[in-house]
Protein backbone atom coordinates (compact mmCIF):
# COMPACT_ATOMS: atom_id res chain seq x y z
CA MET A 1 -68.08 24.44 -43.64
CA ARG A 2 -70.00 23.17 -46.67
CA ASP A 3 -69.02 24.21 -50.17
CA ALA A 4 -71.63 25.95 -52.33
CA VAL A 5 -71.02 24.98 -55.95
CA LEU A 6 -72.22 26.44 -59.21
CA VAL A 7 -73.41 23.53 -61.34
CA ASP A 8 -74.73 25.39 -64.36
CA ALA A 9 -75.75 28.83 -65.59
CA VAL A 10 -77.68 30.03 -68.63
CA ARG A 11 -79.02 33.29 -69.94
CA SER A 12 -81.36 34.61 -72.57
CA PRO A 13 -80.02 36.57 -75.50
CA MET A 14 -79.56 40.25 -74.69
CA ALA A 15 -82.15 42.23 -76.65
CA ARG A 16 -82.53 45.93 -77.27
CA GLY A 17 -84.91 47.52 -74.82
CA LYS A 18 -87.36 50.22 -75.76
CA ALA A 19 -86.89 53.51 -73.97
CA PRO A 20 -90.23 55.12 -73.03
CA LYS A 21 -89.93 58.13 -75.34
CA ASP A 22 -87.36 57.19 -77.97
CA GLY A 23 -89.96 56.33 -80.61
CA LYS A 24 -88.04 53.24 -81.68
CA PRO A 25 -89.48 49.71 -81.79
CA GLY A 26 -88.38 47.30 -79.08
CA GLY A 27 -85.98 44.45 -79.67
CA ALA A 28 -86.53 40.73 -80.03
CA LEU A 29 -87.73 40.22 -76.45
CA SER A 30 -89.98 43.28 -76.13
CA GLY A 31 -93.05 41.20 -76.98
CA VAL A 32 -92.34 38.66 -74.24
CA HIS A 33 -93.87 39.08 -70.77
CA PRO A 34 -91.05 39.10 -68.17
CA VAL A 35 -92.60 36.12 -66.40
CA GLU A 36 -92.50 34.15 -69.65
CA LEU A 37 -88.93 35.26 -70.32
CA LEU A 38 -87.76 34.08 -66.91
CA GLY A 39 -89.88 30.93 -67.09
CA GLN A 40 -88.35 29.84 -70.38
CA THR A 41 -84.87 30.52 -69.02
CA VAL A 42 -85.29 28.46 -65.85
CA LYS A 43 -86.95 25.64 -67.81
CA ALA A 44 -83.93 25.51 -70.14
CA LEU A 45 -81.58 25.34 -67.15
CA LEU A 46 -83.47 22.39 -65.69
CA ASN A 47 -83.65 20.63 -69.06
CA ARG A 48 -79.84 20.83 -69.26
CA ASN A 49 -79.57 19.19 -65.84
CA ALA A 50 -82.09 16.38 -66.16
CA ALA A 51 -80.56 14.39 -63.31
CA LEU A 52 -82.14 16.91 -60.94
CA ASP A 53 -85.82 16.51 -60.11
CA PRO A 54 -87.17 20.10 -60.19
CA GLY A 55 -89.14 19.25 -57.09
CA GLU A 56 -85.86 19.10 -55.15
CA VAL A 57 -85.25 22.82 -55.68
CA GLU A 58 -85.88 24.45 -52.32
CA ASP A 59 -86.11 28.09 -53.40
CA PHE A 60 -85.97 30.27 -56.51
CA ILE A 61 -84.28 33.57 -55.64
CA VAL A 62 -84.80 36.22 -58.32
CA GLY A 63 -83.28 39.67 -58.72
CA CYS A 64 -85.52 42.33 -60.22
CA VAL A 65 -85.23 46.12 -59.92
CA SER A 66 -88.52 47.52 -61.22
CA GLN A 67 -90.96 45.46 -59.15
CA VAL A 68 -94.06 47.09 -60.56
CA ALA A 69 -96.62 46.36 -63.29
CA GLU A 70 -95.76 43.04 -65.00
CA GLN A 71 -92.83 42.52 -62.60
CA ALA A 72 -94.85 43.22 -59.44
CA GLY A 73 -96.15 39.78 -58.61
CA CYS A 74 -93.03 37.98 -57.34
CA PRO A 75 -91.92 37.17 -60.90
CA GLY A 76 -89.98 34.05 -59.90
CA ARG A 77 -93.08 32.41 -58.47
CA TRP A 78 -95.12 32.93 -61.63
CA ALA A 79 -92.21 32.11 -63.93
CA TRP A 80 -91.77 28.79 -62.14
CA LEU A 81 -95.45 27.96 -62.53
CA ALA A 82 -95.52 29.22 -66.13
CA ALA A 83 -92.74 26.74 -66.89
CA GLY A 84 -94.97 23.90 -65.65
CA LEU A 85 -92.76 23.17 -62.64
CA PRO A 86 -93.84 21.74 -59.25
CA GLU A 87 -96.18 24.00 -57.29
CA HIS A 88 -94.52 23.39 -53.92
CA VAL A 89 -91.30 25.26 -54.82
CA PRO A 90 -91.39 28.87 -53.52
CA SER A 91 -89.69 32.01 -54.75
CA THR A 92 -88.63 35.40 -53.46
CA THR A 93 -87.51 38.63 -55.10
CA VAL A 94 -84.33 40.55 -54.28
CA ASP A 95 -83.67 44.22 -54.91
CA ARG A 96 -80.14 45.50 -54.52
CA ARG A 97 -80.53 47.72 -57.54
CA CYS A 98 -78.19 46.76 -60.42
CA GLY A 99 -76.62 44.02 -58.29
CA SER A 100 -79.94 42.31 -57.56
CA SER A 101 -79.25 38.97 -59.24
CA GLN A 102 -75.63 38.91 -58.04
CA GLN A 103 -77.07 39.31 -54.55
CA ALA A 104 -79.59 36.56 -55.33
CA ALA A 105 -76.70 34.22 -56.19
CA ASP A 106 -74.82 35.25 -53.05
CA PHE A 107 -77.87 34.65 -50.87
CA ALA A 108 -78.37 31.24 -52.51
CA ALA A 109 -74.74 30.21 -51.98
CA GLN A 110 -74.70 31.54 -48.43
CA GLY A 111 -77.85 29.55 -47.71
CA VAL A 112 -76.15 26.38 -48.96
CA ILE A 113 -73.03 27.07 -46.90
CA ALA A 114 -75.19 27.65 -43.80
CA GLY A 115 -77.15 24.44 -44.35
CA ALA A 116 -80.45 26.19 -45.07
CA TYR A 117 -80.52 24.81 -48.62
CA ASP A 118 -79.16 21.83 -50.53
CA VAL A 119 -80.46 22.90 -53.95
CA VAL A 120 -81.44 26.42 -54.99
CA ILE A 121 -81.77 28.38 -58.23
CA ALA A 122 -80.83 32.05 -58.35
CA GLY A 123 -81.09 34.55 -61.16
CA GLY A 124 -82.78 37.66 -62.38
CA VAL A 125 -85.03 39.23 -64.97
CA GLU A 126 -85.72 42.70 -66.31
CA SER A 127 -87.90 43.70 -69.24
CA MET A 128 -86.91 47.33 -69.66
CA SER A 129 -89.17 47.55 -72.70
CA ARG A 130 -92.32 46.55 -70.86
CA VAL A 131 -91.46 47.95 -67.41
CA PRO A 132 -89.36 51.05 -68.11
CA MET A 133 -86.57 52.05 -65.76
CA GLY A 134 -87.92 54.27 -62.99
CA SER A 135 -91.48 52.93 -63.26
CA ALA A 136 -91.58 52.02 -59.58
CA ARG A 137 -90.77 55.57 -58.50
CA MET A 138 -93.40 57.33 -60.60
CA GLY A 139 -91.94 60.70 -59.62
CA ALA A 140 -92.00 59.93 -55.89
CA ASP A 141 -89.42 61.18 -53.39
CA VAL A 142 -87.70 57.92 -52.44
CA TYR A 143 -85.04 59.52 -50.24
CA GLY A 144 -87.16 61.14 -47.54
CA PRO A 145 -86.45 64.49 -45.88
CA SER A 146 -83.57 63.49 -43.59
CA ALA A 147 -81.38 61.82 -46.22
CA THR A 148 -82.16 64.66 -48.62
CA ALA A 149 -81.07 67.19 -45.99
CA ARG A 150 -77.90 65.24 -45.21
CA TYR A 151 -76.80 65.43 -48.84
CA ALA A 152 -77.99 68.97 -49.57
CA PRO A 153 -78.02 70.61 -52.05
CA GLY A 154 -79.24 67.28 -53.38
CA LEU A 155 -78.48 63.76 -54.52
CA VAL A 156 -77.68 63.37 -58.20
CA PRO A 157 -78.56 61.04 -61.09
CA GLN A 158 -76.18 58.19 -61.89
CA GLY A 159 -75.04 59.94 -65.06
CA ILE A 160 -73.69 62.82 -62.97
CA SER A 161 -71.99 60.29 -60.69
CA ALA A 162 -70.36 58.74 -63.77
CA GLU A 163 -69.05 62.20 -64.68
CA LEU A 164 -67.73 62.70 -61.14
CA VAL A 165 -65.94 59.33 -61.24
CA ALA A 166 -64.33 60.30 -64.55
CA ALA A 167 -63.24 63.63 -63.08
CA ARG A 168 -61.89 62.14 -59.85
CA TRP A 169 -59.80 59.51 -61.66
CA LYS A 170 -58.86 61.92 -64.47
CA ILE A 171 -60.37 59.73 -67.19
CA SER A 172 -60.71 61.56 -70.49
CA ARG A 173 -63.51 61.42 -73.05
CA GLU A 174 -61.05 59.73 -75.41
CA GLN A 175 -60.36 56.98 -72.85
CA LEU A 176 -64.08 56.44 -72.26
CA ASP A 177 -64.82 56.11 -75.96
CA ALA A 178 -61.82 53.87 -76.64
CA TYR A 179 -62.86 51.57 -73.80
CA SER A 180 -66.45 51.46 -75.08
CA ALA A 181 -65.42 50.62 -78.63
CA ARG A 182 -63.26 47.85 -77.22
CA SER A 183 -66.25 46.44 -75.31
CA HIS A 184 -68.15 46.06 -78.59
CA GLN A 185 -65.10 44.63 -80.36
CA ARG A 186 -64.47 42.07 -77.64
CA ALA A 187 -68.12 41.02 -77.49
CA ALA A 188 -68.27 40.76 -81.28
CA ALA A 189 -65.12 38.62 -81.36
CA ALA A 190 -66.52 36.37 -78.62
CA ALA A 191 -69.82 35.96 -80.46
CA GLU A 192 -68.06 35.24 -83.76
CA ALA A 193 -65.93 32.57 -82.07
CA GLY A 194 -68.99 30.90 -80.52
CA ALA A 195 -67.90 31.81 -77.00
CA PHE A 196 -71.48 32.56 -75.90
CA ALA A 197 -72.95 29.36 -77.34
CA ASN A 198 -72.85 27.45 -74.05
CA GLU A 199 -74.57 30.20 -72.09
CA ILE A 200 -77.32 31.53 -74.38
CA ILE A 201 -80.59 29.63 -74.59
CA ALA A 202 -83.21 30.36 -77.24
CA ILE A 203 -86.34 32.26 -76.22
CA THR A 204 -89.62 31.73 -78.06
CA THR A 205 -91.25 35.07 -78.90
CA PRO A 206 -94.42 36.02 -80.79
CA ASP A 207 -92.16 36.73 -83.78
CA GLY A 208 -90.08 33.56 -83.68
CA SER A 209 -87.02 32.36 -81.81
CA ALA A 210 -84.51 34.81 -80.29
CA GLU A 211 -81.11 33.11 -80.19
CA TYR A 212 -78.39 35.77 -80.42
CA ASP A 213 -77.40 38.97 -78.65
CA GLU A 214 -78.66 41.89 -80.71
CA THR A 215 -76.98 44.66 -78.71
CA ILE A 216 -73.44 44.18 -80.07
CA ARG A 217 -72.31 46.67 -82.72
CA PRO A 218 -69.14 45.19 -84.26
CA THR A 219 -68.33 48.28 -86.33
CA THR A 220 -68.22 50.62 -83.33
CA THR A 221 -65.10 52.78 -83.21
CA ALA A 222 -63.80 55.37 -80.78
CA GLU A 223 -63.88 57.90 -83.61
CA GLY A 224 -67.56 57.24 -84.22
CA LEU A 225 -68.39 57.50 -80.52
CA ALA A 226 -66.55 60.81 -80.31
CA GLY A 227 -69.34 62.47 -82.29
CA LEU A 228 -72.06 61.75 -79.71
CA LYS A 229 -73.44 64.48 -77.46
CA CYS A 230 -72.86 64.41 -73.71
CA ALA A 231 -76.03 63.03 -72.17
CA PHE A 232 -76.11 64.73 -68.77
CA GLU A 233 -74.63 68.18 -69.26
CA ASN A 234 -76.65 71.00 -67.70
CA ALA A 235 -75.95 74.42 -66.27
CA ASP A 236 -77.02 73.70 -62.69
CA MET A 237 -74.76 70.68 -62.36
CA ALA A 238 -71.92 72.50 -64.10
CA ALA A 239 -72.11 75.24 -61.47
CA ARG A 240 -72.25 72.72 -58.63
CA PHE A 241 -69.46 70.49 -59.94
CA PRO A 242 -66.96 72.65 -61.86
CA GLU A 243 -64.52 69.72 -61.97
CA ILE A 244 -66.73 67.86 -64.48
CA SER A 245 -65.51 68.08 -68.06
CA TRP A 246 -68.69 66.46 -69.54
CA SER A 247 -67.76 63.25 -71.28
CA VAL A 248 -70.51 60.67 -70.61
CA THR A 249 -72.62 59.79 -73.66
CA ALA A 250 -75.08 57.12 -74.69
CA GLY A 251 -72.17 55.44 -76.48
CA ASN A 252 -69.96 55.04 -73.41
CA SER A 253 -72.82 53.96 -71.14
CA SER A 254 -74.67 50.66 -70.79
CA GLN A 255 -77.61 49.90 -73.04
CA ILE A 256 -81.27 49.62 -72.04
CA THR A 257 -81.87 45.90 -72.47
CA ASP A 258 -84.31 43.04 -71.90
CA GLY A 259 -82.96 39.76 -70.53
CA ALA A 260 -82.93 36.98 -67.95
CA ALA A 261 -80.29 34.67 -66.46
CA VAL A 262 -80.39 31.82 -63.93
CA MET A 263 -77.90 29.61 -62.08
CA LEU A 264 -78.14 26.19 -60.42
CA ILE A 265 -76.43 26.28 -57.02
CA MET A 266 -76.19 23.39 -54.57
CA SER A 267 -74.04 21.74 -51.94
CA ALA A 268 -71.05 19.81 -53.23
CA GLU A 269 -72.44 16.70 -51.54
CA ARG A 270 -75.80 16.95 -53.29
CA ALA A 271 -74.15 17.54 -56.66
CA ALA A 272 -72.04 14.41 -56.16
CA ALA A 273 -75.07 12.35 -55.17
CA LEU A 274 -76.88 13.43 -58.34
CA GLY A 275 -73.87 12.85 -60.56
CA LEU A 276 -73.78 16.52 -61.55
CA ARG A 277 -70.38 18.10 -62.19
CA PRO A 278 -69.80 21.34 -60.29
CA ARG A 279 -68.28 23.98 -62.57
CA ALA A 280 -67.20 26.39 -59.82
CA ARG A 281 -67.47 27.02 -56.13
CA PHE A 282 -68.25 30.24 -54.33
CA HIS A 283 -65.07 31.43 -52.67
CA ALA A 284 -65.83 34.83 -51.09
CA PHE A 285 -68.56 37.46 -50.85
CA ALA A 286 -68.67 41.11 -49.89
CA VAL A 287 -71.03 44.04 -49.93
CA ALA A 288 -69.97 47.63 -49.36
CA SER A 289 -71.06 51.21 -49.88
CA ASP A 290 -69.43 54.51 -50.75
CA ASP A 291 -70.43 58.15 -51.02
CA PRO A 292 -73.92 58.28 -52.62
CA ILE A 293 -72.96 61.37 -54.62
CA THR A 294 -69.99 59.73 -56.33
CA MET A 295 -72.14 56.58 -56.04
CA LEU A 296 -70.50 54.39 -58.70
CA SER A 297 -67.19 53.99 -56.86
CA GLY A 298 -68.65 51.30 -54.57
CA PRO A 299 -66.98 48.39 -56.43
CA ILE A 300 -63.60 49.53 -55.12
CA PRO A 301 -64.28 49.02 -51.37
CA ALA A 302 -66.39 45.93 -52.15
CA THR A 303 -63.47 44.38 -54.06
CA GLU A 304 -61.02 45.24 -51.28
CA LYS A 305 -63.31 43.58 -48.75
CA ALA A 306 -63.77 40.43 -50.86
CA LEU A 307 -60.02 40.10 -51.46
CA LYS A 308 -59.31 40.44 -47.75
CA ARG A 309 -61.84 37.76 -46.90
CA SER A 310 -60.53 35.43 -49.59
CA GLY A 311 -56.86 35.80 -48.72
CA LEU A 312 -56.13 36.42 -52.40
CA SER A 313 -54.31 39.29 -54.04
CA ILE A 314 -55.77 41.08 -57.05
CA ASP A 315 -53.04 39.54 -59.24
CA GLN A 316 -54.20 36.02 -58.32
CA ILE A 317 -57.55 36.68 -60.00
CA ASP A 318 -57.67 35.44 -63.59
CA HIS A 319 -60.83 37.22 -64.76
CA TYR A 320 -62.30 40.55 -63.61
CA GLU A 321 -65.94 41.19 -64.42
CA VAL A 322 -66.78 44.81 -63.53
CA ASN A 323 -70.20 45.92 -64.70
CA GLU A 324 -70.00 48.55 -67.40
CA ALA A 325 -72.85 50.74 -66.18
CA PHE A 326 -70.70 53.56 -67.53
CA ALA A 327 -67.20 53.25 -68.97
CA SER A 328 -65.78 55.36 -66.15
CA VAL A 329 -66.67 52.65 -63.61
CA PRO A 330 -64.39 49.79 -64.81
CA LEU A 331 -61.70 52.29 -65.83
CA ALA A 332 -61.59 53.85 -62.35
CA TRP A 333 -61.63 50.39 -60.76
CA ALA A 334 -58.77 49.25 -63.01
CA GLU A 335 -56.75 52.38 -62.24
CA HIS A 336 -57.24 51.93 -58.49
CA PHE A 337 -56.08 48.31 -58.50
CA GLY A 338 -53.48 48.61 -61.26
CA VAL A 339 -54.78 45.53 -63.06
CA ASP A 340 -54.02 44.07 -66.46
CA GLN A 341 -56.95 45.24 -68.58
CA ALA A 342 -56.66 42.17 -70.78
CA LYS A 343 -58.37 40.34 -67.89
CA LEU A 344 -61.06 43.03 -67.46
CA ASN A 345 -64.37 42.12 -69.13
CA PRO A 346 -62.53 40.12 -71.82
CA ARG A 347 -65.78 39.19 -73.61
CA GLY A 348 -67.20 42.70 -73.52
CA GLY A 349 -69.57 44.11 -70.96
CA ALA A 350 -72.82 46.01 -70.56
CA ILE A 351 -71.79 48.72 -73.04
CA ALA A 352 -71.91 46.05 -75.75
CA LEU A 353 -74.13 43.36 -74.24
CA GLY A 354 -76.56 45.61 -72.41
CA HIS A 355 -77.65 46.02 -68.81
CA PRO A 356 -81.03 44.43 -68.03
CA LEU A 357 -80.82 45.74 -64.45
CA GLY A 358 -82.12 42.87 -62.29
CA ALA A 359 -80.66 40.20 -64.60
CA SER A 360 -77.20 41.70 -65.04
CA GLY A 361 -75.47 40.15 -62.04
CA ALA A 362 -76.44 36.64 -63.13
CA ARG A 363 -75.53 37.44 -66.74
CA LEU A 364 -72.05 38.59 -65.73
CA MET A 365 -71.47 35.50 -63.60
CA THR A 366 -72.65 33.21 -66.41
CA THR A 367 -70.24 34.84 -68.86
CA MET A 368 -67.39 34.83 -66.34
CA LEU A 369 -67.88 31.12 -65.61
CA ASN A 370 -67.69 30.20 -69.28
CA SER A 371 -64.67 32.42 -69.86
CA LEU A 372 -62.77 30.87 -66.94
CA GLU A 373 -63.43 27.42 -68.37
CA ALA A 374 -62.32 28.44 -71.85
CA THR A 375 -59.06 30.02 -70.66
CA GLY A 376 -58.24 27.60 -67.84
CA GLY A 377 -58.37 30.39 -65.28
CA ARG A 378 -58.94 29.52 -61.66
CA PHE A 379 -60.40 32.57 -59.90
CA GLY A 380 -62.92 35.11 -61.16
CA LEU A 381 -64.01 38.28 -59.38
CA GLN A 382 -67.27 40.03 -60.22
CA THR A 383 -68.37 43.41 -58.89
CA MET A 384 -71.31 45.70 -59.61
CA CYS A 385 -71.95 49.35 -58.85
CA GLU A 386 -75.42 49.99 -57.47
CA ALA A 387 -77.60 52.99 -56.74
CA GLY A 388 -76.94 54.84 -53.52
CA GLY A 389 -73.24 54.01 -53.60
CA MET A 390 -73.70 50.29 -52.90
CA ALA A 391 -71.76 47.43 -54.49
CA ASN A 392 -71.42 43.64 -54.45
CA ALA A 393 -68.25 41.65 -55.00
CA THR A 394 -68.13 37.87 -55.44
CA ILE A 395 -65.16 35.57 -56.07
CA ILE A 396 -65.72 32.16 -57.64
CA GLU A 397 -63.19 29.38 -58.16
CA ARG A 398 -63.40 27.24 -61.29
CA LEU A 399 -63.40 23.52 -60.55
C-alpha cells in the first residue's frame, strides 16, 4: 500500500462573517469573492512549494457547503484559473456539510493510496458574508416526506441538537461558557506566540492586506459569556424536549466566518522525487452517522471507528481536534472518551477562530499539523460533527 503524505498546508486569516440581518459590517474578507479568496490561498501554497510544477497537480478537490450564487460554479475550477494556473488541471466540489474539506482531504489521500493520484490539492472555501448560511435551501423542504415522517414530529435545528447533547451528557451552562472562554484564551495565546505564523497566508482585499485572525477575543471570560441570552429557546421545543435546560448562546457557539484553506497531498514516492519533505502521513479514516435529532454526537462513533481501524488507543493520540460547532460537542466527546483536555483543541477552536463551513475541515487539519510539529507529538485525530448526524474522523501521523 502506498503512503499518502501531507507536504504542506496553508489557510487564510479567519475573518468575521456578516450575518444576513445583523446590520453589522462584514469583516476583512467580506469584500473578496470566494473564488478570489480560494485562488489566492492555493497560489500561496504552490509558491511555498516551488519544486512542484503546478501542472503536475492531477485534481483540486474543494469542500464548500453553500454551493449557490458566487459559490455555485465549481469554485475550485475558477479559483485555479483565477490564480493563473494551468488550464488542464480539473477540480470538483465536495459537500459533506461542515466536514466538507476534511472529506476533500480524505478523498485526496485515499486517491493517492489507491494509485488514482500522485499529486492532488484538497481544501475548502466559504464566504458566509457573501453567500449566507442556508442560501442553497431558500426555504425548501430538503428532507422529503418519508424522512420527515420517520422523524415525526419533526427534525430540529442544530442549535436544538446542541442543547440535547448538553442535556444528555449533563453539561451545564457554566461548563459551556468556561470552555468557550478557554477557546478564546488559547487562540489568543497561540496568536501572541506566533503559533499561526506558518499557516496563515496574507489575502489581498479591496481594503488592503488581511494577515491576522480577527475572530479572537482575548478578553473573553466565562463571567462575561454568562450574561448572553440563550439563542434557541422557544416554547414548542421546550414542550417537546423537557430535558433541555437552555444553555446554548452565541458566545458558546462557533462564529460565522469567511475563510479558505488548502493542503498539498501526494504519494511519498513523488514527494521524494521532487525533494519535498512530507510533514505527515494519513494514518486512518472513518465516516459515521448518529441519530439526526441529537445530530452533533456523530464524532463519537466516527472516532471509535477510526481508532479501531488504526489500531491505536485514544491515549496514544497526542492532539485532538474536535470542531467547536457548539461547546457541547467537544465537551461531550471528551467526556465519552475520558481524555486529557489539555490535548483538546490546544490552540483554540471554532468558538474563537470561527467556522467557515466548507473550509473548516482543512483549517483544523492545518492547525493540527503545525501544533504537532511544535510539540513533537506523533499522532493527531480530527473529527467534525455534520448536519444529519454525520461525522468524519481522520488520524494523521507527524513525520
